[in-house]
């Protein structure tokens, strides 16, 4: 059995760390964003969509990438604000102990995913970590989940996926695996 989990909003509440690191990166460039705006309208994997309005509506794409890269650099300073999903942590530990494979499939960056998983001492639990750098099509496309299944030679019937967001749930459902929605923790 393969168990796939999304990182942001499913395994970990990373909104405070993402919001704080984006705020710091934007402020360095002379722009502002509140944590409330970030929490209500922003999703880290879709940064181009929410950074443009904050940066004047039609910023130079290089400036958007510069802010995003700086956000990734600053992220580690705010890991103390991340909250783990303790119930899912326990479930994953039990599933791993029972011999199941674990994969993390996230729209986040490899750098930030590895950083936050290491912070919580669970990066070693995962047999595979797929990030935005590993796929051509981001969620809601099922590419990440299908790649995880292919990596371990399992079928959708042999796969469980834990997700929270609309795009993530759409990707999970499109993969054909069993899907478990995480609404709050």
C-alpha atoms as a PDB file:
ATOM      1  CA  UNK A   1       0.000   0.000   0.000  1.00  0.00           C
ATOM      2  CA  UNK A   2       1.211   3.487  -0.885  1.00  0.00           C
ATOM      3  CA  UNK A   3       0.162   6.380   1.336  1.00  0.00           C
ATOM      4  CA  UNK A   4       0.477   9.832  -0.274  1.00  0.00           C
ATOM      5  CA  UNK A   5       0.110  13.042   1.689  1.00  0.00           C
ATOM      6  CA  UNK A   6       0.028  16.667   0.714  1.00  0.00           C
ATOM      7  CA  UNK A   7       2.246  18.847   2.867  1.00  0.00           C
ATOM      8  CA  UNK A   8       0.685  22.301   3.252  1.00  0.00           C
ATOM      9  CA  UNK A   9      -2.689  22.242   4.994  1.00  0.00           C
ATOM     10  CA  UNK A  10      -2.778  18.457   5.261  1.00  0.00           C
ATOM     11  CA  UNK A  11       0.257  17.267   7.204  1.00  0.00           C
ATOM     12  CA  UNK A  12       1.236  20.728   8.415  1.00  0.00           C
ATOM     13  CA  UNK A  13      -0.431  24.114   8.820  1.00  0.00           C
ATOM     14  CA  UNK A  14       2.240  26.169   7.052  1.00  0.00           C
ATOM     15  CA  UNK A  15       0.119  29.263   6.415  1.00  0.00           C
ATOM     16  CA  UNK A  16       1.789  31.313   9.177  1.00  0.00           C
ATOM     17  CA  UNK A  17       5.305  30.513   7.919  1.00  0.00           C
ATOM     18  CA  UNK A  18       4.416  31.076   4.264  1.00  0.00           C
ATOM     19  CA  UNK A  19       2.616  34.327   5.070  1.00  0.00           C
ATOM     20  CA  UNK A  20       5.452  35.665   7.220  1.00  0.00           C
ATOM     21  CA  UNK A  21       8.161  34.759   4.701  1.00  0.00           C
ATOM     22  CA  UNK A  22       6.211  36.241   1.770  1.00  0.00           C
ATOM     23  CA  UNK A  23       5.493  39.361   3.808  1.00  0.00           C
ATOM     24  CA  UNK A  24       9.198  39.775   4.604  1.00  0.00           C
ATOM     25  CA  UNK A  25      10.229  39.173   0.966  1.00  0.00           C
ATOM     26  CA  UNK A  26       7.630  41.635  -0.339  1.00  0.00           C
ATOM     27  CA  UNK A  27       8.521  44.290   2.230  1.00  0.00           C
ATOM     28  CA  UNK A  28      12.165  44.108   1.112  1.00  0.00           C
ATOM     29  CA  UNK A  29      10.875  45.095  -2.347  1.00  0.00           C
ATOM     30  CA  UNK A  30       8.634  47.887  -1.001  1.00  0.00           C
ATOM     31  CA  UNK A  31       5.315  45.973  -1.161  1.00  0.00           C
ATOM     32  CA  UNK A  32       3.025  44.949   1.656  1.00  0.00           C
ATOM     33  CA  UNK A  33       0.785  41.966   2.390  1.00  0.00           C
ATOM     34  CA  UNK A  34      -1.006  41.105   5.604  1.00  0.00           C
ATOM     35  CA  UNK A  35      -1.149  37.635   7.085  1.00  0.00           C
ATOM     36  CA  UNK A  36      -4.939  37.820   6.734  1.00  0.00           C
ATOM     37  CA  UNK A  37      -4.700  38.502   2.981  1.00  0.00           C
ATOM     38  CA  UNK A  38      -2.330  35.604   2.583  1.00  0.00           C
ATOM     39  CA  UNK A  39      -4.496  33.213   4.624  1.00  0.00           C
ATOM     40  CA  UNK A  40      -7.667  34.173   2.739  1.00  0.00           C
ATOM     41  CA  UNK A  41      -6.428  34.409  -0.848  1.00  0.00           C
ATOM     42  CA  UNK A  42      -3.052  32.846  -1.307  1.00  0.00           C
ATOM     43  CA  UNK A  43      -1.715  29.371  -1.881  1.00  0.00           C
ATOM     44  CA  UNK A  44       2.049  28.989  -1.997  1.00  0.00           C
ATOM     45  CA  UNK A  45       2.020  26.784  -5.096  1.00  0.00           C
ATOM     46  CA  UNK A  46       0.176  29.455  -7.065  1.00  0.00           C
ATOM     47  CA  UNK A  47       2.340  32.380  -6.056  1.00  0.00           C
ATOM     48  CA  UNK A  48       2.289  34.065  -9.479  1.00  0.00           C
ATOM     49  CA  UNK A  49      -1.472  34.527  -9.222  1.00  0.00           C
ATOM     50  CA  UNK A  50      -1.452  36.229  -5.844  1.00  0.00           C
ATOM     51  CA  UNK A  51       1.811  38.171  -6.098  1.00  0.00           C
ATOM     52  CA  UNK A  52       0.860  40.070  -9.261  1.00  0.00           C
ATOM     53  CA  UNK A  53      -1.960  42.151  -7.663  1.00  0.00           C
ATOM     54  CA  UNK A  54       0.243  42.888  -4.655  1.00  0.00           C
ATOM     55  CA  UNK A  55       3.056  44.072  -6.927  1.00  0.00           C
ATOM     56  CA  UNK A  56       0.993  46.505  -8.993  1.00  0.00           C
ATOM     57  CA  UNK A  57      -1.004  44.172 -11.239  1.00  0.00           C
ATOM     58  CA  UNK A  58       1.471  43.677 -14.097  1.00  0.00           C
ATOM     59  CA  UNK A  59       4.950  43.347 -12.600  1.00  0.00           C
ATOM     60  CA  UNK A  60       7.992  42.144 -14.462  1.00  0.00           C
ATOM     61  CA  UNK A  61       7.978  38.312 -14.229  1.00  0.00           C
ATOM     62  CA  UNK A  62      11.602  38.442 -13.051  1.00  0.00           C
ATOM     63  CA  UNK A  63      10.522  40.581 -10.079  1.00  0.00           C
ATOM     64  CA  UNK A  64       7.831  38.026  -9.153  1.00  0.00           C
ATOM     65  CA  UNK A  65      10.407  35.217  -9.278  1.00  0.00           C
ATOM     66  CA  UNK A  66      12.831  37.296  -7.217  1.00  0.00           C
ATOM     67  CA  UNK A  67      10.202  37.718  -4.466  1.00  0.00           C
ATOM     68  CA  UNK A  68       9.364  34.018  -4.588  1.00  0.00           C
ATOM     69  CA  UNK A  69      13.036  32.995  -4.400  1.00  0.00           C
ATOM     70  CA  UNK A  70      13.594  35.340  -1.468  1.00  0.00           C
ATOM     71  CA  UNK A  71      10.506  33.873   0.261  1.00  0.00           C
ATOM     72  CA  UNK A  72      12.110  30.427   0.004  1.00  0.00           C
ATOM     73  CA  UNK A  73      15.316  31.791   1.561  1.00  0.00           C
ATOM     74  CA  UNK A  74      13.411  33.373   4.473  1.00  0.00           C
ATOM     75  CA  UNK A  75      11.066  30.436   5.118  1.00  0.00           C
ATOM     76  CA  UNK A  76      13.352  28.683   7.611  1.00  0.00           C
ATOM     77  CA  UNK A  77      13.189  31.667   9.962  1.00  0.00           C
ATOM     78  CA  UNK A  78       9.467  31.079  10.500  1.00  0.00           C
ATOM     79  CA  UNK A  79       9.272  27.307  10.995  1.00  0.00           C
ATOM     80  CA  UNK A  80       8.440  27.842  14.671  1.00  0.00           C
ATOM     81  CA  UNK A  81       5.000  29.066  13.521  1.00  0.00           C
ATOM     82  CA  UNK A  82       4.120  25.819  11.665  1.00  0.00           C
ATOM     83  CA  UNK A  83       1.590  23.532  13.357  1.00  0.00           C
ATOM     84  CA  UNK A  84       1.662  19.764  12.730  1.00  0.00           C
ATOM     85  CA  UNK A  85      -1.400  17.576  12.185  1.00  0.00           C
ATOM     86  CA  UNK A  86      -0.655  15.307  15.167  1.00  0.00           C
ATOM     87  CA  UNK A  87      -3.341  12.741  14.258  1.00  0.00           C
ATOM     88  CA  UNK A  88      -1.979  12.336  10.731  1.00  0.00           C
ATOM     89  CA  UNK A  89       1.591  12.204  12.076  1.00  0.00           C
ATOM     90  CA  UNK A  90       0.599   9.283  14.311  1.00  0.00           C
ATOM     91  CA  UNK A  91      -1.276   7.539  11.503  1.00  0.00           C
ATOM     92  CA  UNK A  92       1.722   7.847   9.166  1.00  0.00           C
ATOM     93  CA  UNK A  93       4.091   6.481  11.801  1.00  0.00           C
ATOM     94  CA  UNK A  94       1.814   3.468  12.276  1.00  0.00           C
ATOM     95  CA  UNK A  95       1.421   2.933   8.525  1.00  0.00           C
ATOM     96  CA  UNK A  96       5.192   3.082   8.046  1.00  0.00           C
ATOM     97  CA  UNK A  97       5.751   0.659  10.931  1.00  0.00           C
ATOM     98  CA  UNK A  98       3.289  -1.701   9.221  1.00  0.00           C
ATOM     99  CA  UNK A  99       5.484  -1.665   6.094  1.00  0.00           C
ATOM    100  CA  UNK A 100       3.522   0.746   3.912  1.00  0.00           C
ATOM    101  CA  UNK A 101       5.375   3.168   1.634  1.00  0.00           C
ATOM    102  CA  UNK A 102       4.947   6.905   2.220  1.00  0.00           C
ATOM    103  CA  UNK A 103       5.155   9.686  -0.349  1.00  0.00           C
ATOM    104  CA  UNK A 104       4.792  13.429   0.101  1.00  0.00           C
ATOM    105  CA  UNK A 105       3.352  15.163  -2.974  1.00  0.00           C
ATOM    106  CA  UNK A 106       3.349  18.957  -2.708  1.00  0.00           C
ATOM    107  CA  UNK A 107       3.120  22.035  -4.929  1.00  0.00           C
ATOM    108  CA  UNK A 108       5.715  23.653  -2.686  1.00  0.00           C
ATOM    109  CA  UNK A 109       9.420  23.892  -3.408  1.00  0.00           C
ATOM    110  CA  UNK A 110      11.840  21.067  -2.611  1.00  0.00           C
ATOM    111  CA  UNK A 111      13.856  23.424  -0.445  1.00  0.00           C
ATOM    112  CA  UNK A 112      10.925  24.448   1.752  1.00  0.00           C
ATOM    113  CA  UNK A 113       9.372  20.963   1.869  1.00  0.00           C
ATOM    114  CA  UNK A 114      12.641  19.381   3.001  1.00  0.00           C
ATOM    115  CA  UNK A 115      13.259  22.195   5.447  1.00  0.00           C
ATOM    116  CA  UNK A 116       9.890  21.914   7.206  1.00  0.00           C
ATOM    117  CA  UNK A 117       9.850  18.091   7.219  1.00  0.00           C
ATOM    118  CA  UNK A 118      13.360  18.111   8.714  1.00  0.00           C
ATOM    119  CA  UNK A 119      12.236  20.632  11.322  1.00  0.00           C
ATOM    120  CA  UNK A 120       9.602  18.139  12.496  1.00  0.00           C
ATOM    121  CA  UNK A 121      11.990  15.181  12.275  1.00  0.00           C
ATOM    122  CA  UNK A 122       9.915  13.311   9.714  1.00  0.00           C
ATOM    123  CA  UNK A 123      11.719  13.789   6.390  1.00  0.00           C
ATOM    124  CA  UNK A 124      13.149  10.269   6.791  1.00  0.00           C
ATOM    125  CA  UNK A 125       9.632   8.772   6.964  1.00  0.00           C
ATOM    126  CA  UNK A 126       9.073   9.433   3.267  1.00  0.00           C
ATOM    127  CA  UNK A 127      10.280   7.034   0.621  1.00  0.00           C
ATOM    128  CA  UNK A 128       9.585   9.735  -1.960  1.00  0.00           C
ATOM    129  CA  UNK A 129       9.097  13.496  -1.870  1.00  0.00           C
ATOM    130  CA  UNK A 130       7.686  15.058  -5.055  1.00  0.00           C
ATOM    131  CA  UNK A 131       7.625  18.851  -5.298  1.00  0.00           C
ATOM    132  CA  UNK A 132       6.785  21.493  -7.869  1.00  0.00           C
ATOM    133  CA  UNK A 133      10.250  21.002  -9.380  1.00  0.00           C
ATOM    134  CA  UNK A 134       9.482  17.332 -10.120  1.00  0.00           C
ATOM    135  CA  UNK A 135       6.339  17.724 -12.227  1.00  0.00           C
ATOM    136  CA  UNK A 136       5.420  19.536 -15.410  1.00  0.00           C
ATOM    137  CA  UNK A 137       1.766  19.939 -14.461  1.00  0.00           C
ATOM    138  CA  UNK A 138       0.806  21.122 -10.999  1.00  0.00           C
ATOM    139  CA  UNK A 139      -2.310  20.182  -9.082  1.00  0.00           C
ATOM    140  CA  UNK A 140      -5.206  19.911 -10.051  1.00  0.00           C
ATOM    141  CA  UNK A 141      -3.433  17.696 -12.581  1.00  0.00           C
ATOM    142  CA  UNK A 142      -2.832  14.232 -11.059  1.00  0.00           C
ATOM    143  CA  UNK A 143       0.737  13.990 -12.432  1.00  0.00           C
ATOM    144  CA  UNK A 144       2.406  14.077  -8.997  1.00  0.00           C
ATOM    145  CA  UNK A 145       0.246  11.304  -7.587  1.00  0.00           C
ATOM    146  CA  UNK A 146       0.528   9.187 -10.723  1.00  0.00           C
ATOM    147  CA  UNK A 147       4.322   9.555 -10.633  1.00  0.00           C
ATOM    148  CA  UNK A 148       4.378   8.402  -7.014  1.00  0.00           C
ATOM    149  CA  UNK A 149       2.317   5.322  -7.929  1.00  0.00           C
ATOM    150  CA  UNK A 150       4.585   4.579 -10.896  1.00  0.00           C
ATOM    151  CA  UNK A 151       7.694   4.936  -8.718  1.00  0.00           C
ATOM    152  CA  UNK A 152       6.499   2.092  -6.496  1.00  0.00           C
ATOM    153  CA  UNK A 153       4.691   0.081  -9.143  1.00  0.00           C
ATOM    154  CA  UNK A 154       1.311   0.319  -7.413  1.00  0.00           C
ATOM    155  CA  UNK A 155      -2.169   0.848  -8.807  1.00  0.00           C
ATOM    156  CA  UNK A 156      -4.689   3.466  -7.701  1.00  0.00           C
ATOM    157  CA  UNK A 157      -6.511   0.663  -5.842  1.00  0.00           C
ATOM    158  CA  UNK A 158      -3.331   0.198  -3.769  1.00  0.00           C
ATOM    159  CA  UNK A 159      -3.003   3.910  -2.957  1.00  0.00           C
ATOM    160  CA  UNK A 160      -4.481   6.232  -0.314  1.00  0.00           C
ATOM    161  CA  UNK A 161      -4.160  10.011  -0.620  1.00  0.00           C
ATOM    162  CA  UNK A 162      -4.636  12.626   2.112  1.00  0.00           C
ATOM    163  CA  UNK A 163      -5.395  16.125   0.762  1.00  0.00           C
ATOM    164  CA  UNK A 164      -7.017  19.381   1.829  1.00  0.00           C
ATOM    165  CA  UNK A 165      -7.239  21.955  -1.001  1.00  0.00           C
ATOM    166  CA  UNK A 166      -9.573  22.113  -3.987  1.00  0.00           C
ATOM    167  CA  UNK A 167      -6.771  21.653  -6.561  1.00  0.00           C
ATOM    168  CA  UNK A 168      -5.180  18.897  -4.470  1.00  0.00           C
ATOM    169  CA  UNK A 169      -8.444  17.033  -4.020  1.00  0.00           C
ATOM    170  CA  UNK A 170      -9.140  17.275  -7.757  1.00  0.00           C
ATOM    171  CA  UNK A 171      -5.689  15.831  -8.493  1.00  0.00           C
ATOM    172  CA  UNK A 172      -6.148  13.048  -5.955  1.00  0.00           C
ATOM    173  CA  UNK A 173      -9.579  12.084  -7.305  1.00  0.00           C
ATOM    174  CA  UNK A 174      -8.337  12.173 -10.907  1.00  0.00           C
ATOM    175  CA  UNK A 175      -5.581   9.702  -9.949  1.00  0.00           C
ATOM    176  CA  UNK A 176      -8.196   7.055  -9.153  1.00  0.00           C
ATOM    177  CA  UNK A 177      -6.860   6.404  -5.641  1.00  0.00           C
ATOM    178  CA  UNK A 178      -8.841   6.419  -2.406  1.00  0.00           C
ATOM    179  CA  UNK A 179      -8.984  10.036  -1.203  1.00  0.00           C
ATOM    180  CA  UNK A 180      -9.273  11.301   2.354  1.00  0.00           C
ATOM    181  CA  UNK A 181     -10.095  14.985   2.844  1.00  0.00           C
ATOM    182  CA  UNK A 182      -8.394  16.801   5.711  1.00  0.00           C
ATOM    183  CA  UNK A 183     -10.596  19.730   6.731  1.00  0.00           C
ATOM    184  CA  UNK A 184      -9.154  20.829  10.037  1.00  0.00           C
ATOM    185  CA  UNK A 185      -6.753  19.762  12.736  1.00  0.00           C
END
